[in-house]
Every structure is written in C-alpha cells, then in structure tokens.
Amino acid sequence: MLLQALGIVLLVPALLACLYHVLLALCGLRTGARTGQDETGGVHRFALVIPAHNEEAAIAGTLRSCAELDYPADQFKVYVIADNCSDNTAAVVRAHGFTCLERRDEARRGKGAALEWAFARVLSEGADAVVVLDADCTLDRHALRVFDRYLCAGHRVLQACNVASNPDATMTSYVAGVANHIENHLFYAPKSRLGLAVLLRGTGMVFTREVLQRHPWDARSVVEDAEYTVRLYRAGLSVQFVAEACVRSPFAARGQQLAVQRTRWVHGGFSFGRTHGLGLMMEGLKTGRWPLLDLGWTLWVTARSVVLLHMLLTLAVAGLCVGLVPGPLSAALLVLAAGLPLGHGLILGLGVIGLGLSGRRLALLAGSPVVIARMLGIAAAALWASHPARWERTPR
C-alpha cells in the first residue's frame, strides 16, 4: 500500500504537468503571429541595453543588427555595458559608433548588477522604454516597430521570441532548437493569449520607463529574470509574449556548452521554483489572483528535463507496483503513467514539425535521443548537487 501511495503522489503532479503542456500546445496550434501591417511610425523612444563581459569576438554581429533596425534613427539609442572587461569590447563598440558604458566593480559582478547600474543612467537620458539584449544575439529588423505597437496598446512589459540561430549545427543545437520552438510557440504564446503567466527570459525583454522607475531592477541571482518576473506579477503587472519579434542567439552546440548551461538553468530554476512556486500558488488561491497561481505552477513545469525525470520516476514506481502489489489500483497506475510519454511525445512531434523538416534535420533527429538522454543526466546531476547554483559563463 505504501508503494501504491507513493505512485499516486508521483502520478498526480506528473499528469497535471503533462495535461497542462498538451493543452497549451493544442492552443498554440491556433495562435498565429500578427503580420505587423499595422505597425506604428515610431511613437516610443527606445534604449537598447546590452550587458557584455569580454565579448569582443561576438558583439560586432549584435551591433550590426542594431544598426540595421527599421525604426527612426533618432528614436532609439544603443548602450553597451562593458562590465569588468579585460578585452577590447569597449573599443569594438565605439568603433561601431555606439555608446559604451564601462563598469568596474569586482565586488558586484554579473548581469543583474550591470543592468541595475545601467538602467538609472539610461533612463536619465529620456528613454520611454528599455530593451535588454544579450551580447551575442541579433534582433529582427522590424522588432522595435512591433514593440512600439504593443506599448501603444497599453502593455508595459514585453518578452520577445527567443530563437535558436544555429539549429542545424549539431544534434545538440537541433534538440535545443526544437525545445525552444516548443517553449515559444506551444507554451508561452498560448499562455500569453489566454492571460496566463509568462516568464522573462533574459534577452529580448522590454520595460517601459514607468515600470523600471517604480520597480527598480535589483535581481542578481542565477535566475534574475525569473526573480524579477515574480516581483512584477506580485505588483499586479504582467508580461506580454511577443511572438512576431525574434531575438536570435546561438544555442549550445557542444557537450561542454550544454553541461555548463543546463546545470546552471536546472539547478538555479529548480531551486527558485522550490522556494517560490508553492508560495505563489497559495498566495494566488488565497487572494483570487489567478496569474500568481499560474506563475507558481509555471516555475515548476518550465524545467522540462525535471518534468521528464519525474515522468520516468513515476513510470518506474508504477511498474514496481504492478510487480510487487498486483491488483486493479496498480494496473490503473501503470496505464495512466504509460500515457505520460504519449503526451510528451505529441508535444515533441509538434515541435519537430513546427521547426521545419529537411534532410539534415531528419538526420539530426535520428540522433536526438542521445542528446535528450545526456540532458536528463545533466539535470539529474544538477538536482543531486548540494552546492547552491552559481553563475558560470557558457563556453563560446
């Protein structure tokens, strides 16, 4: 009976997570991006803020992308934060004609501290809204016009679509590209459409001047974007996902990159979700603020590797129940647990089709189980680790 009770305890959240993802994915099939034919002429003045630590090799592409934006040139300004740099990042930025804010503070390192330091300086120059970009990404030419339209419609916090620029490079980057397509179009896009919680994702974030003045950025943890998201929702604000404006970044293509990146994400995200997820859900139930309830649940289910590990554990316990405690209850547990891979497989199939098929991608898809197994192993190791999550730069 104790084994069956454990099976039930594991099965309920596993089923809820699977159903949540499947229903959102089906809603996502009906969510189409707008064509952008009603873009504005440039009402808001944007500040594009790019934190950079020793990015001289990658930042030139990002700066060229900013220079080519289809938006009135006098209505946006680019600021690069050369944060504790020991290379020529600042010289590269100035050679492209953009403003470089050099910061030296060994005691307060990292992206969160750099953004907090820069926002006050940027807002003092009159920007209506701030766009945060990573130093190795490119922004769609029409993105600022799309952001302008959303801000004119009354939205105050936006999250652009974060897209893999290198899905065909390796099996690792292909799996990451499929997973990211699922997250963009089959998770966050339908959530935003339904008025559910959307997490900020570090790059492609847009904040109005009013938001940053009333809620200064002071998030400095490994998951500073999720930390700030929680602050905003507790203050009654929401994040609007913008599917029709993309930020394109190279995703992990090698095993070492994958290990560093996934370890940071899984350990940091799981720790943050464990600390804040249940509290947010209870707060949402007590106050009737359903976005808080959904935000707390979202913190738990966005780590797909953890969700899949939970699924495998549920399957294993259900199988043990059938073997050790045979009967109708054990059989029902196994049948329901066996349905979990079907649900997640459906979502994976939709992601593969949505990203697009080609001969190259079919070959990469054939080897993807190896990468997925490696990702699950990294996630398991990250969850097992007792040390707190800390920021470690992904190898270039």
Foldseek 3Di string as FASTA:
>chain_A
DVLLVVLVVLLVVLLVLLVQLLVLLVLLVVDDADPCPPFDQQDFAEEEEEEDEQCLPAQLQALVLVVLAPHPPVRYAYEYEHECHPDCNVVSQVVSVHHYHYDDDPPQDDDLVSCLVVVVVVVVVPGFKYFYAYRRKHKDNHQVSLVVVVVVVPAFKEAEQEAEPPLLQALQSVVVRLLSLCCQRRNQSSCLVVVAADFHDRHGMMGGPVCCVVQPRNQDALPSRRVVSLVQVVVVHGYHYRHVIYMYGHQDHDPQLLLQVLLLCLLQLVVVLVVPLVVQLVVCVVVVVVNSNRSSVCSVNVSPLVSVVSLVVSLVSLVVCCVPPNDDSSVVSNVSSVCSVVSVVVSSVVSLPVVHDDPSSVVSVVPNVVSSVSSNVSSVVSVPDPDHRDDDDRDD
